[in-house]
Amino acid sequence: MNTADTTILEEEFETLGDHHRMAAHHFAAAAKFHLLAATADDDGDDEACERNAHKAYRHQLNAVQYAEIAVMDSESLEDEDTLEISAD
């Protein structure tokens, strides 16, 4: 992991965009590990295949979690807009 990735992971997430970026980061990492698992399977390396598949799965779970947070935050912003319109 490079310094930019470490900085992203260490910072607090305050914006909707931060959650979308982290979801994208984890989806990309999951894809990378799935490809590594596929290559390991093609090469007959069961241990590497299982290890990479597990890493891919963990990144996928993190990606979905960040994506869900982004959607929930987005919905709460929409709810606030609806309340403001109703108050007028």
C-alpha atoms as a PDB file:
ATOM      1  CA  MET A   1       0.000   0.000   0.000  1.00  0.00           C
ATOM      2  CA  ASN A   2       1.425   3.374  -0.917  1.00  0.00           C
ATOM      3  CA  THR A   3       1.478   6.536   1.190  1.00  0.00           C
ATOM      4  CA  ALA A   4      -1.609   8.022  -0.481  1.00  0.00           C
ATOM      5  CA  ASP A   5      -3.650   4.896   0.321  1.00  0.00           C
ATOM      6  CA  THR A   6      -2.399   4.921   3.918  1.00  0.00           C
ATOM      7  CA  THR A   7      -3.355   8.580   4.269  1.00  0.00           C
ATOM      8  CA  ILE A   8      -6.855   7.866   2.955  1.00  0.00           C
ATOM      9  CA  LEU A   9      -7.266   4.959   5.365  1.00  0.00           C
ATOM     10  CA  GLU A  10      -6.062   6.970   8.380  1.00  0.00           C
ATOM     11  CA  GLU A  11      -8.208  10.047   7.793  1.00  0.00           C
ATOM     12  CA  GLU A  12     -11.672  10.432   9.221  1.00  0.00           C
ATOM     13  CA  PHE A  13     -14.487  10.220   6.740  1.00  0.00           C
ATOM     14  CA  GLU A  14     -16.662  13.273   6.799  1.00  0.00           C
ATOM     15  CA  THR A  15     -18.098  13.595   3.325  1.00  0.00           C
ATOM     16  CA  LEU A  16     -20.242  11.465   1.119  1.00  0.00           C
ATOM     17  CA  GLY A  17     -17.420  11.542  -1.432  1.00  0.00           C
ATOM     18  CA  ASP A  18     -15.001  10.037   1.107  1.00  0.00           C
ATOM     19  CA  HIS A  19     -17.264   7.017   1.520  1.00  0.00           C
ATOM     20  CA  HIS A  20     -17.659   6.622  -2.243  1.00  0.00           C
ATOM     21  CA  ARG A  21     -13.867   6.811  -2.698  1.00  0.00           C
ATOM     22  CA  MET A  22     -13.290   4.151  -0.050  1.00  0.00           C
ATOM     23  CA  ALA A  23     -15.950   1.913  -1.610  1.00  0.00           C
ATOM     24  CA  ALA A  24     -14.212   2.288  -4.978  1.00  0.00           C
ATOM     25  CA  HIS A  25     -10.811   1.589  -3.400  1.00  0.00           C
ATOM     26  CA  HIS A  26     -12.054  -1.657  -1.848  1.00  0.00           C
ATOM     27  CA  PHE A  27     -13.944  -2.767  -4.975  1.00  0.00           C
ATOM     28  CA  ALA A  28     -10.741  -2.227  -7.009  1.00  0.00           C
ATOM     29  CA  ALA A  29      -8.698  -4.172  -4.460  1.00  0.00           C
ATOM     30  CA  ALA A  30     -11.267  -6.988  -4.513  1.00  0.00           C
ATOM     31  CA  ALA A  31     -11.016  -7.170  -8.304  1.00  0.00           C
ATOM     32  CA  LYS A  32      -7.218  -7.310  -8.094  1.00  0.00           C
ATOM     33  CA  PHE A  33      -7.294 -10.175  -5.605  1.00  0.00           C
ATOM     34  CA  HIS A  34      -9.945 -12.056  -7.601  1.00  0.00           C
ATOM     35  CA  LEU A  35      -7.656 -11.886 -10.636  1.00  0.00           C
ATOM     36  CA  LEU A  36      -4.734 -13.126  -8.541  1.00  0.00           C
ATOM     37  CA  ALA A  37      -6.900 -15.969  -7.227  1.00  0.00           C
ATOM     38  CA  ALA A  38      -7.889 -16.897 -10.782  1.00  0.00           C
ATOM     39  CA  THR A  39      -4.257 -16.930 -11.900  1.00  0.00           C
ATOM     40  CA  ALA A  40      -3.265 -19.040  -8.897  1.00  0.00           C
ATOM     41  CA  ASP A  41      -6.077 -21.476  -9.692  1.00  0.00           C
ATOM     42  CA  ASP A  42      -4.923 -21.691 -13.314  1.00  0.00           C
ATOM     43  CA  ASP A  43      -1.415 -22.457 -12.047  1.00  0.00           C
ATOM     44  CA  GLY A  44      -2.712 -25.113  -9.650  1.00  0.00           C
ATOM     45  CA  ASP A  45      -1.596 -23.179  -6.553  1.00  0.00           C
ATOM     46  CA  ASP A  46      -4.497 -23.927  -4.223  1.00  0.00           C
ATOM     47  CA  GLU A  47      -2.985 -22.123  -1.229  1.00  0.00           C
ATOM     48  CA  ALA A  48      -2.442 -18.857  -3.128  1.00  0.00           C
ATOM     49  CA  CYS A  49      -5.887 -19.179  -4.691  1.00  0.00           C
ATOM     50  CA  GLU A  50      -7.579 -19.524  -1.301  1.00  0.00           C
ATOM     51  CA  ARG A  51      -5.498 -16.722   0.244  1.00  0.00           C
ATOM     52  CA  ASN A  52      -6.272 -14.291  -2.583  1.00  0.00           C
ATOM     53  CA  ALA A  53      -9.936 -15.290  -2.681  1.00  0.00           C
ATOM     54  CA  HIS A  54     -10.189 -14.574   1.049  1.00  0.00           C
ATOM     55  CA  LYS A  55      -8.544 -11.160   0.613  1.00  0.00           C
ATOM     56  CA  ALA A  56     -10.902 -10.403  -2.277  1.00  0.00           C
ATOM     57  CA  TYR A  57     -13.901 -11.351  -0.156  1.00  0.00           C
ATOM     58  CA  ARG A  58     -12.778  -9.124   2.738  1.00  0.00           C
ATOM     59  CA  HIS A  59     -12.280  -6.161   0.410  1.00  0.00           C
ATOM     60  CA  GLN A  60     -15.698  -6.803  -1.119  1.00  0.00           C
ATOM     61  CA  LEU A  61     -17.303  -6.738   2.331  1.00  0.00           C
ATOM     62  CA  ASN A  62     -15.561  -3.451   3.154  1.00  0.00           C
ATOM     63  CA  ALA A  63     -16.564  -1.985  -0.212  1.00  0.00           C
ATOM     64  CA  VAL A  64     -20.212  -2.869   0.293  1.00  0.00           C
ATOM     65  CA  GLN A  65     -20.122  -1.408   3.799  1.00  0.00           C
ATOM     66  CA  TYR A  66     -18.733   1.923   2.561  1.00  0.00           C
ATOM     67  CA  ALA A  67     -21.224   1.954  -0.323  1.00  0.00           C
ATOM     68  CA  GLU A  68     -24.103   1.360   2.101  1.00  0.00           C
ATOM     69  CA  ILE A  69     -22.893   4.175   4.367  1.00  0.00           C
ATOM     70  CA  ALA A  70     -22.728   6.503   1.362  1.00  0.00           C
ATOM     71  CA  VAL A  71     -26.293   5.612   0.373  1.00  0.00           C
ATOM     72  CA  MET A  72     -27.602   6.022   3.919  1.00  0.00           C
ATOM     73  CA  ASP A  73     -25.862   9.404   4.242  1.00  0.00           C
ATOM     74  CA  SER A  74     -27.283  10.411   0.869  1.00  0.00           C
ATOM     75  CA  GLU A  75     -30.788   9.405   1.933  1.00  0.00           C
ATOM     76  CA  SER A  76     -30.498  11.420   5.151  1.00  0.00           C
ATOM     77  CA  LEU A  77     -29.524  14.466   3.057  1.00  0.00           C
ATOM     78  CA  GLU A  78     -32.595  13.885   0.870  1.00  0.00           C
ATOM     79  CA  ASP A  79     -34.754  13.616   4.002  1.00  0.00           C
ATOM     80  CA  GLU A  80     -33.408  16.977   5.224  1.00  0.00           C
ATOM     81  CA  ASP A  81     -34.220  18.562   1.852  1.00  0.00           C
ATOM     82  CA  THR A  82     -37.745  17.140   2.006  1.00  0.00           C
ATOM     83  CA  LEU A  83     -38.259  18.555   5.506  1.00  0.00           C
ATOM     84  CA  GLU A  84     -37.071  21.995   4.384  1.00  0.00           C
ATOM     85  CA  ILE A  85     -39.467  21.966   1.425  1.00  0.00           C
ATOM     86  CA  SER A  86     -42.353  20.857   3.655  1.00  0.00           C
ATOM     87  CA  ALA A  87     -41.670  23.658   6.137  1.00  0.00           C
ATOM     88  CA  ASP A  88     -42.040  26.300   3.422  1.00  0.00           C
END
